Structures are given as C-alpha cells and as structure tokens.
C-alpha cells in the first residue's frame, strides 16, 4: 500500500510549517504541510503531517526518523487514518 502522508512528531513547539517544509524539501516535492495547533491557544501541539507528491519522496523522508530538529529527535512514520471518533476525547458536560 502506498502512503504519501507522513506523521512527524516530537517537534519543538517553536517550529513553523515553513521550518518543516524546509527540512523535508530535499526528499521531494511537498503537496501539503499541516502543523497541528491547540484550538484554544494556537500553540503547536508538537506534531505535523507532511504529504508528498510522490511515493518516492515519502519513502526518502522516512529516513529522517531520529534526526534532530532544533535540538529534538523527530519521529517520522506513515500517517494512520483515524476511523470515526477513535482517539477523540468525549465531549465536556
């Protein structure tokens, strides 16, 4: 199964989408970078998703797993699709 969308975790909270794009640009053309932020504060949650135009770019980017970015070792893996409400917190009452 081909998967061009990657999860990038353990990111420094100061990192921007542009920083992430710059880090992965050498692997191949990037379709989309989505830095996940807290809804209430707007602060980075420390992870992002990077989608490549080609499978080859995504495969090359997987080799960046464990590399340092601004002093932190990043985690790079194939993104897993969430099914339904799995992984979400129940609504507050």
PDB file of N, CA and C in Angstrom:
ATOM      1  N   UNK A   1       0.846  -1.194   0.000  1.00  0.00           N
ATOM      2  CA  UNK A   1       0.000   0.000   0.000  1.00  0.00           C
ATOM      3  C   UNK A   1       0.882   1.244   0.000  1.00  0.00           C
ATOM      4  N   UNK A   2       0.565   2.157  -0.868  1.00  0.00           N
ATOM      5  CA  UNK A   2       1.333   3.397  -0.932  1.00  0.00           C
ATOM      6  C   UNK A   2       0.712   4.434  -0.011  1.00  0.00           C
ATOM      7  N   UNK A   3       1.577   5.137   0.686  1.00  0.00           N
ATOM      8  CA  UNK A   3       1.111   6.176   1.594  1.00  0.00           C
ATOM      9  C   UNK A   3       2.061   7.354   1.485  1.00  0.00           C
ATOM     10  N   UNK A   4       1.564   8.454   0.950  1.00  0.00           N
ATOM     11  CA  UNK A   4       2.399   9.650   0.761  1.00  0.00           C
ATOM     12  C   UNK A   4       2.273  10.623   1.923  1.00  0.00           C
ATOM     13  N   UNK A   5       1.367  10.368   2.860  1.00  0.00           N
ATOM     14  CA  UNK A   5       1.161  11.252   4.005  1.00  0.00           C
ATOM     15  C   UNK A   5       1.909  10.690   5.213  1.00  0.00           C
ATOM     16  N   UNK A   6       2.781  11.538   5.787  1.00  0.00           N
ATOM     17  CA  UNK A   6       3.604  11.119   6.915  1.00  0.00           C
ATOM     18  C   UNK A   6       3.269  11.899   8.177  1.00  0.00           C
ATOM     19  N   UNK A   7       3.425  11.233   9.300  1.00  0.00           N
ATOM     20  CA  UNK A   7       3.307  11.851  10.624  1.00  0.00           C
ATOM     21  C   UNK A   7       4.708  12.268  11.039  1.00  0.00           C
ATOM     22  N   UNK A   8       4.840  13.486  11.547  1.00  0.00           N
ATOM     23  CA  UNK A   8       6.121  13.975  12.062  1.00  0.00           C
ATOM     24  C   UNK A   8       5.875  14.431  13.489  1.00  0.00           C
ATOM     25  N   UNK A   9       6.468  13.738  14.446  1.00  0.00           N
ATOM     26  CA  UNK A   9       6.231  14.027  15.858  1.00  0.00           C
ATOM     27  C   UNK A   9       7.480  14.444  16.596  1.00  0.00           C
ATOM     28  N   UNK A  10       7.284  14.787  17.867  1.00  0.00           N
ATOM     29  CA  UNK A  10       8.335  15.261  18.774  1.00  0.00           C
ATOM     30  C   UNK A  10       8.981  16.540  18.253  1.00  0.00           C
ATOM     31  N   UNK A  11       8.167  17.371  17.602  1.00  0.00           N
ATOM     32  CA  UNK A  11       8.669  18.636  17.065  1.00  0.00           C
ATOM     33  C   UNK A  11       8.828  19.668  18.180  1.00  0.00           C
ATOM     34  N   UNK A  12       9.811  20.549  18.060  1.00  0.00           N
ATOM     35  CA  UNK A  12       9.917  21.659  19.001  1.00  0.00           C
ATOM     36  C   UNK A  12       8.666  22.538  18.886  1.00  0.00           C
ATOM     37  N   UNK A  13       8.203  23.081  19.983  1.00  0.00           N
ATOM     38  CA  UNK A  13       6.984  23.889  19.958  1.00  0.00           C
ATOM     39  C   UNK A  13       7.171  25.199  19.199  1.00  0.00           C
ATOM     40  N   UNK A  14       8.421  25.588  18.969  1.00  0.00           N
ATOM     41  CA  UNK A  14       8.706  26.835  18.251  1.00  0.00           C
ATOM     42  C   UNK A  14       8.750  26.662  16.737  1.00  0.00           C
ATOM     43  N   UNK A  15       8.635  25.426  16.246  1.00  0.00           N
ATOM     44  CA  UNK A  15       8.777  25.158  14.813  1.00  0.00           C
ATOM     45  C   UNK A  15       7.546  25.657  14.044  1.00  0.00           C
ATOM     46  N   UNK A  16       7.773  26.076  12.798  1.00  0.00           N
ATOM     47  CA  UNK A  16       6.676  26.548  11.936  1.00  0.00           C
ATOM     48  C   UNK A  16       6.499  25.585  10.770  1.00  0.00           C
ATOM     49  N   UNK A  17       5.396  25.752  10.040  1.00  0.00           N
ATOM     50  CA  UNK A  17       5.178  24.934   8.846  1.00  0.00           C
ATOM     51  C   UNK A  17       6.298  25.145   7.838  1.00  0.00           C
ATOM     52  N   UNK A  18       6.791  26.372   7.730  1.00  0.00           N
ATOM     53  CA  UNK A  18       7.894  26.677   6.812  1.00  0.00           C
ATOM     54  C   UNK A  18       9.166  25.934   7.222  1.00  0.00           C
ATOM     55  N   UNK A  19       9.433  25.832   8.530  1.00  0.00           N
ATOM     56  CA  UNK A  19      10.603  25.095   9.015  1.00  0.00           C
ATOM     57  C   UNK A  19      10.506  23.613   8.635  1.00  0.00           C
ATOM     58  N   UNK A  20       9.310  23.054   8.800  1.00  0.00           N
ATOM     59  CA  UNK A  20       9.088  21.643   8.479  1.00  0.00           C
ATOM     60  C   UNK A  20       9.277  21.421   6.981  1.00  0.00           C
ATOM     61  N   UNK A  21       8.696  22.304   6.189  1.00  0.00           N
ATOM     62  CA  UNK A  21       8.824  22.188   4.739  1.00  0.00           C
ATOM     63  C   UNK A  21      10.289  22.251   4.318  1.00  0.00           C
ATOM     64  N   UNK A  22      11.041  23.156   4.899  1.00  0.00           N
ATOM     65  CA  UNK A  22      12.458  23.310   4.573  1.00  0.00           C
ATOM     66  C   UNK A  22      13.232  22.038   4.916  1.00  0.00           C
ATOM     67  N   UNK A  23      12.882  21.398   6.024  1.00  0.00           N
ATOM     68  CA  UNK A  23      13.562  20.180   6.454  1.00  0.00           C
ATOM     69  C   UNK A  23      13.334  19.026   5.479  1.00  0.00           C
ATOM     70  N   UNK A  24      12.112  18.923   4.936  1.00  0.00           N
ATOM     71  CA  UNK A  24      11.755  17.781   4.106  1.00  0.00           C
ATOM     72  C   UNK A  24      11.832  18.042   2.601  1.00  0.00           C
ATOM     73  N   UNK A  25      12.102  19.263   2.201  1.00  0.00           N
ATOM     74  CA  UNK A  25      12.135  19.617   0.783  1.00  0.00           C
ATOM     75  C   UNK A  25      13.170  18.823  -0.005  1.00  0.00           C
ATOM     76  N   UNK A  26      14.264  18.481   0.614  1.00  0.00           N
ATOM     77  CA  UNK A  26      15.312  17.722  -0.075  1.00  0.00           C
ATOM     78  C   UNK A  26      14.858  16.308  -0.427  1.00  0.00           C
ATOM     79  N   UNK A  27      13.801  15.826   0.216  1.00  0.00           N
ATOM     80  CA  UNK A  27      13.309  14.465  -0.042  1.00  0.00           C
ATOM     81  C   UNK A  27      12.452  14.387  -1.301  1.00  0.00           C
ATOM     82  N   UNK A  28      11.803  15.485  -1.641  1.00  0.00           N
ATOM     83  CA  UNK A  28      10.932  15.504  -2.807  1.00  0.00           C
ATOM     84  C   UNK A  28       9.919  16.620  -2.704  1.00  0.00           C
ATOM     85  N   UNK A  29       9.127  16.775  -3.772  1.00  0.00           N
ATOM     86  CA  UNK A  29       8.127  17.839  -3.775  1.00  0.00           C
ATOM     87  C   UNK A  29       7.043  17.570  -2.742  1.00  0.00           C
ATOM     88  N   UNK A  30       6.691  18.626  -2.006  1.00  0.00           N
ATOM     89  CA  UNK A  30       5.707  18.518  -0.936  1.00  0.00           C
ATOM     90  C   UNK A  30       4.374  19.075  -1.415  1.00  0.00           C
ATOM     91  N   UNK A  31       3.340  18.315  -1.180  1.00  0.00           N
ATOM     92  CA  UNK A  31       1.986  18.740  -1.533  1.00  0.00           C
ATOM     93  C   UNK A  31       1.379  19.604  -0.433  1.00  0.00           C
ATOM     94  N   UNK A  32       1.618  19.214   0.834  1.00  0.00           N
ATOM     95  CA  UNK A  32       0.968  19.900   1.949  1.00  0.00           C
ATOM     96  C   UNK A  32       1.734  19.663   3.245  1.00  0.00           C
ATOM     97  N   UNK A  33       1.800  20.707   4.078  1.00  0.00           N
ATOM     98  CA  UNK A  33       2.325  20.593   5.440  1.00  0.00           C
ATOM     99  C   UNK A  33       1.254  21.134   6.368  1.00  0.00           C
ATOM    100  N   UNK A  34       0.882  20.344   7.376  1.00  0.00           N
ATOM    101  CA  UNK A  34      -0.141  20.778   8.329  1.00  0.00           C
ATOM    102  C   UNK A  34       0.398  20.614   9.740  1.00  0.00           C
ATOM    103  N   UNK A  35       0.776  21.735  10.364  1.00  0.00           N
ATOM    104  CA  UNK A  35       1.220  21.743  11.751  1.00  0.00           C
ATOM    105  C   UNK A  35      -0.025  21.773  12.628  1.00  0.00           C
ATOM    106  N   UNK A  36      -0.129  20.845  13.543  1.00  0.00           N
ATOM    107  CA  UNK A  36      -1.310  20.752  14.398  1.00  0.00           C
ATOM    108  C   UNK A  36      -1.131  21.677  15.602  1.00  0.00           C
ATOM    109  N   UNK A  37      -2.125  22.529  15.806  1.00  0.00           N
ATOM    110  CA  UNK A  37      -2.083  23.505  16.901  1.00  0.00           C
ATOM    111  C   UNK A  37      -3.265  23.316  17.842  1.00  0.00           C
ATOM    112  N   UNK A  38      -3.094  23.794  19.055  1.00  0.00           N
ATOM    113  CA  UNK A  38      -4.164  23.757  20.048  1.00  0.00           C
ATOM    114  C   UNK A  38      -5.257  24.731  19.636  1.00  0.00           C
ATOM    115  N   UNK A  39      -6.480  24.276  19.670  1.00  0.00           N
ATOM    116  CA  UNK A  39      -7.615  25.115  19.256  1.00  0.00           C
ATOM    117  C   UNK A  39      -7.760  26.385  20.088  1.00  0.00           C
ATOM    118  N   UNK A  40      -7.522  26.260  21.378  1.00  0.00           N
ATOM    119  CA  UNK A  40      -7.758  27.394  22.279  1.00  0.00           C
ATOM    120  C   UNK A  40      -6.601  28.377  22.333  1.00  0.00           C
ATOM    121  N   UNK A  41      -5.364  27.862  22.331  1.00  0.00           N
ATOM    122  CA  UNK A  41      -4.206  28.747  22.492  1.00  0.00           C
ATOM    123  C   UNK A  41      -3.492  29.059  21.183  1.00  0.00           C
ATOM    124  N   UNK A  42      -3.686  28.222  20.166  1.00  0.00           N
ATOM    125  CA  UNK A  42      -2.985  28.413  18.905  1.00  0.00           C
ATOM    126  C   UNK A  42      -1.550  27.920  18.929  1.00  0.00           C
ATOM    127  N   UNK A  43      -1.119  27.391  20.059  1.00  0.00           N
ATOM    128  CA  UNK A  43       0.246  26.894  20.233  1.00  0.00           C
ATOM    129  C   UNK A  43       0.395  25.522  19.579  1.00  0.00           C
ATOM    130  N   UNK A  44       1.560  25.260  19.018  1.00  0.00           N
ATOM    131  CA  UNK A  44       1.845  23.973  18.389  1.00  0.00           C
ATOM    132  C   UNK A  44       1.658  22.846  19.401  1.00  0.00           C
ATOM    133  N   UNK A  45       1.138  21.718  18.913  1.00  0.00           N
ATOM    134  CA  UNK A  45       0.978  20.541  19.766  1.00  0.00           C
ATOM    135  C   UNK A  45       2.163  19.592  19.616  1.00  0.00           C
ATOM    136  N   UNK A  46       3.156  19.976  18.795  1.00  0.00           N
ATOM    137  CA  UNK A  46       4.378  19.192  18.687  1.00  0.00           C
ATOM    138  C   UNK A  46       4.359  18.112  17.619  1.00  0.00           C
ATOM    139  N   UNK A  47       3.349  18.158  16.730  1.00  0.00           N
ATOM    140  CA  UNK A  47       3.357  17.210  15.621  1.00  0.00           C
ATOM    141  C   UNK A  47       2.709  17.821  14.402  1.00  0.00           C
ATOM    142  N   UNK A  48       2.988  17.184  13.257  1.00  0.00           N
ATOM    143  CA  UNK A  48       2.503  17.701  11.976  1.00  0.00           C
ATOM    144  C   UNK A  48       2.317  16.537  11.009  1.00  0.00           C
ATOM    145  N   UNK A  49       1.682  16.847   9.883  1.00  0.00           N
ATOM    146  CA  UNK A  49       1.528  15.882   8.802  1.00  0.00           C
ATOM    147  C   UNK A  49       2.117  16.503   7.547  1.00  0.00           C
ATOM    148  N   UNK A  50       2.915  15.718   6.827  1.00  0.00           N
ATOM    149  CA  UNK A  50       3.539  16.171   5.591  1.00  0.00           C
ATOM    150  C   UNK A  50       3.109  15.210   4.487  1.00  0.00           C
ATOM    151  N   UNK A  51       2.530  15.754   3.417  1.00  0.00           N
ATOM    152  CA  UNK A  51       2.100  14.941   2.286  1.00  0.00           C
ATOM    153  C   UNK A  51       2.990  15.262   1.090  1.00  0.00           C
ATOM    154  N   UNK A  52       3.554  14.216   0.496  1.00  0.00           N
ATOM    155  CA  UNK A  52       4.435  14.362  -0.650  1.00  0.00           C
ATOM    156  C   UNK A  52       3.676  14.103  -1.944  1.00  0.00           C
ATOM    157  N   UNK A  53       4.166  14.684  -3.032  1.00  0.00           N
ATOM    158  CA  UNK A  53       3.552  14.459  -4.340  1.00  0.00           C
ATOM    159  C   UNK A  53       3.819  13.054  -4.853  1.00  0.00           C
ATOM    160  N   UNK A  54       4.960  12.479  -4.467  1.00  0.00           N
ATOM    161  CA  UNK A  54       5.304  11.140  -4.943  1.00  0.00           C
ATOM    162  C   UNK A  54       5.584  10.205  -3.773  1.00  0.00           C
ATOM    163  N   UNK A  55       5.395   8.925  -4.029  1.00  0.00           N
ATOM    164  CA  UNK A  55       5.716   7.907  -3.024  1.00  0.00           C
ATOM    165  C   UNK A  55       7.213   7.887  -2.750  1.00  0.00           C
ATOM    166  N   UNK A  56       8.006   8.130  -3.783  1.00  0.00           N
ATOM    167  CA  UNK A  56       9.458   8.142  -3.636  1.00  0.00           C
ATOM    168  C   UNK A  56       9.903   9.208  -2.623  1.00  0.00           C
ATOM    169  N   UNK A  57       9.293  10.396  -2.675  1.00  0.00           N
ATOM    170  CA  UNK A  57       9.615  11.455  -1.722  1.00  0.00           C
ATOM    171  C   UNK A  57       9.263  11.053  -0.308  1.00  0.00           C
ATOM    172  N   UNK A  58       8.097  10.432  -0.141  1.00  0.00           N
ATOM    173  CA  UNK A  58       7.666   9.998   1.188  1.00  0.00           C
ATOM    174  C   UNK A  58       8.610   8.925   1.729  1.00  0.00           C
ATOM    175  N   UNK A  59       8.988   7.975   0.863  1.00  0.00           N
ATOM    176  CA  UNK A  59       9.907   6.917   1.294  1.00  0.00           C
ATOM    177  C   UNK A  59      11.243   7.491   1.735  1.00  0.00           C
ATOM    178  N   UNK A  60      11.733   8.479   1.008  1.00  0.00           N
ATOM    179  CA  UNK A  60      13.012   9.104   1.365  1.00  0.00           C
ATOM    180  C   UNK A  60      12.886   9.870   2.684  1.00  0.00           C
ATOM    181  N   UNK A  61      11.752  10.515   2.905  1.00  0.00           N
ATOM    182  CA  UNK A  61      11.543  11.291   4.132  1.00  0.00           C
ATOM    183  C   UNK A  61      11.506  10.401   5.368  1.00  0.00           C
ATOM    184  N   UNK A  62      11.068   9.157   5.217  1.00  0.00           N
ATOM    185  CA  UNK A  62      11.033   8.231   6.357  1.00  0.00           C
ATOM    186  C   UNK A  62      12.425   8.019   6.952  1.00  0.00           C
ATOM    187  N   UNK A  63      13.457   8.219   6.151  1.00  0.00           N
ATOM    188  CA  UNK A  63      14.827   8.054   6.647  1.00  0.00           C
ATOM    189  C   UNK A  63      15.228   9.166   7.620  1.00  0.00           C
ATOM    190  N   UNK A  64      14.430  10.218   7.711  1.00  0.00           N
ATOM    191  CA  UNK A  64      14.730  11.321   8.635  1.00  0.00           C
ATOM    192  C   UNK A  64      14.301  11.001  10.071  1.00  0.00           C
ATOM    193  N   UNK A  65      13.666   9.855  10.264  1.00  0.00           N
ATOM    194  CA  UNK A  65      13.262   9.441  11.607  1.00  0.00           C
ATOM    195  C   UNK A  65      14.490   9.413  12.521  1.00  0.00           C
ATOM    196  N   UNK A  66      14.407  10.100  13.644  1.00  0.00           N
ATOM    197  CA  UNK A  66      15.512  10.143  14.596  1.00  0.00           C
ATOM    198  C   UNK A  66      16.481  11.296  14.398  1.00  0.00           C
ATOM    199  N   UNK A  67      16.351  12.032  13.293  1.00  0.00           N
ATOM    200  CA  UNK A  67      17.222  13.196  13.082  1.00  0.00           C
ATOM    201  C   UNK A  67      16.824  14.318  14.036  1.00  0.00           C
ATOM    202  N   UNK A  68      17.769  15.219  14.280  1.00  0.00           N
ATOM    203  CA  UNK A  68      17.496  16.337  15.174  1.00  0.00           C
ATOM    204  C   UNK A  68      16.940  17.538  14.428  1.00  0.00           C
ATOM    205  N   UNK A  69      15.977  18.188  15.060  1.00  0.00           N
ATOM    206  CA  UNK A  69      15.424  19.440  14.565  1.00  0.00           C
ATOM    207  C   UNK A  69      15.340  20.374  15.764  1.00  0.00           C
ATOM    208  N   UNK A  70      16.138  21.412  15.745  1.00  0.00           N
ATOM    209  CA  UNK A  70      16.194  22.396  16.825  1.00  0.00           C
ATOM    210  C   UNK A  70      16.367  21.717  18.188  1.00  0.00           C
ATOM    211  N   UNK A  71      17.269  20.719  18.232  1.00  0.00           N
ATOM    212  CA  UNK A  71      17.617  20.074  19.495  1.00  0.00           C
ATOM    213  C   UNK A  71      16.737  18.906  19.911  1.00  0.00           C
ATOM    214  N   UNK A  72      15.749  18.534  19.100  1.00  0.00           N
ATOM    215  CA  UNK A  72      14.875  17.403  19.446  1.00  0.00           C
ATOM    216  C   UNK A  72      14.931  16.356  18.342  1.00  0.00           C
ATOM    217  N   UNK A  73      14.937  15.095  18.735  1.00  0.00           N
ATOM    218  CA  UNK A  73      14.927  13.999  17.760  1.00  0.00           C
ATOM    219  C   UNK A  73      13.500  13.789  17.284  1.00  0.00           C
ATOM    220  N   UNK A  74      13.282  14.010  15.991  1.00  0.00           N
ATOM    221  CA  UNK A  74      11.930  13.907  15.458  1.00  0.00           C
ATOM    222  C   UNK A  74      11.571  12.455  15.146  1.00  0.00           C
ATOM    223  N   UNK A  75      10.270  12.193  15.154  1.00  0.00           N
ATOM    224  CA  UNK A  75       9.719  10.887  14.808  1.00  0.00           C
ATOM    225  C   UNK A  75       9.013  11.052  13.465  1.00  0.00           C
ATOM    226  N   UNK A  76       9.372  10.215  12.497  1.00  0.00           N
ATOM    227  CA  UNK A  76       8.744  10.260  11.173  1.00  0.00           C
ATOM    228  C   UNK A  76       8.212   8.866  10.871  1.00  0.00           C
ATOM    229  N   UNK A  77       6.904   8.787  10.600  1.00  0.00           N
ATOM    230  CA  UNK A  77       6.297   7.499  10.270  1.00  0.00           C
ATOM    231  C   UNK A  77       5.128   7.717   9.326  1.00  0.00           C
ATOM    232  N   UNK A  78       4.645   6.627   8.761  1.00  0.00           N
ATOM    233  CA  UNK A  78       3.486   6.702   7.880  1.00  0.00           C
ATOM    234  C   UNK A  78       2.277   7.094   8.722  1.00  0.00           C
ATOM    235  N   UNK A  79       1.515   8.074   8.250  1.00  0.00           N
ATOM    236  CA  UNK A  79       0.321   8.529   8.975  1.00  0.00           C
ATOM    237  C   UNK A  79      -0.753   7.455   8.905  1.00  0.00           C
ATOM    238  N   UNK A  80      -1.449   7.271  10.016  1.00  0.00           N
ATOM    239  CA  UNK A  80      -2.539   6.303  10.057  1.00  0.00           C
ATOM    240  C   UNK A  80      -3.858   7.061  10.039  1.00  0.00           C
ATOM    241  N   UNK A  81      -4.773   6.602   9.224  1.00  0.00           N
ATOM    242  CA  UNK A  81      -6.092   7.237   9.157  1.00  0.00           C
ATOM    243  C   UNK A  81      -6.896   6.883  10.405  1.00  0.00           C
ATOM    244  N   UNK A  82      -7.564   7.875  10.957  1.00  0.00           N
ATOM    245  CA  UNK A  82      -8.435   7.627  12.099  1.00  0.00           C
ATOM    246  C   UNK A  82      -9.790   7.189  11.587  1.00  0.00           C
ATOM    247  N   UNK A  83     -10.372   6.238  12.262  1.00  0.00           N
ATOM    248  CA  UNK A  83     -11.689   5.774  11.863  1.00  0.00           C
ATOM    249  C   UNK A  83     -12.737   6.298  12.843  1.00  0.00           C
ATOM    250  N   UNK A  84     -13.631   7.124  12.342  1.00  0.00           N
ATOM    251  CA  UNK A  84     -14.707   7.682  13.175  1.00  0.00           C
ATOM    252  C   UNK A  84     -14.186   8.559  14.284  1.00  0.00           C
ATOM    253  N   UNK A  85     -14.658   8.312  15.501  1.00  0.00           N
ATOM    254  CA  UNK A  85     -14.294   9.151  16.641  1.00  0.00           C
ATOM    255  C   UNK A  85     -13.159   8.541  17.454  1.00  0.00           C
ATOM    256  N   UNK A  86     -12.541   7.476  16.942  1.00  0.00           N
ATOM    257  CA  UNK A  86     -11.438   6.838  17.651  1.00  0.00           C
ATOM    258  C   UNK A  86     -10.344   7.857  17.950  1.00  0.00           C
ATOM    259  N   UNK A  87      -9.905   7.888  19.179  1.00  0.00           N
ATOM    260  CA  UNK A  87      -8.824   8.786  19.540  1.00  0.00           C
ATOM    261  C   UNK A  87      -9.277  10.150  19.997  1.00  0.00           C
ATOM    262  N   UNK A  88     -10.542  10.442  19.924  1.00  0.00           N
ATOM    263  CA  UNK A  88     -11.025  11.753  20.371  1.00  0.00           C
ATOM    264  C   UNK A  88     -11.540  11.658  21.804  1.00  0.00           C
ATOM    265  N   UNK A  89     -11.424  12.784  22.490  1.00  0.00           N
ATOM    266  CA  UNK A  89     -11.943  12.848  23.860  1.00  0.00           C
ATOM    267  C   UNK A  89     -13.469  12.969  23.811  1.00  0.00           C
ATOM    268  N   UNK A  90     -14.120  12.436  24.827  1.00  0.00           N
ATOM    269  CA  UNK A  90     -15.569  12.618  24.874  1.00  0.00           C
ATOM    270  C   UNK A  90     -15.909  14.088  25.110  1.00  0.00           C
ATOM    271  N   UNK A  91     -17.079  14.543  24.670  1.00  0.00           N
ATOM    272  CA  UNK A  91     -17.438  15.951  24.868  1.00  0.00           C
ATOM    273  C   UNK A  91     -17.559  16.302  26.340  1.00  0.00           C
ATOM    274  N   UNK A  92     -17.229  17.545  26.670  1.00  0.00           N
ATOM    275  CA  UNK A  92     -17.355  18.030  28.062  1.00  0.00           C
ATOM    276  C   UNK A  92     -18.817  18.252  28.394  1.00  0.00           C
ATOM    277  N   UNK A  93     -19.150  18.002  29.623  1.00  0.00           N
ATOM    278  CA  UNK A  93     -20.537  18.205  30.071  1.00  0.00           C
ATOM    279  C   UNK A  93     -20.593  19.196  31.181  1.00  0.00           C
TER     280      UNK A  93
END
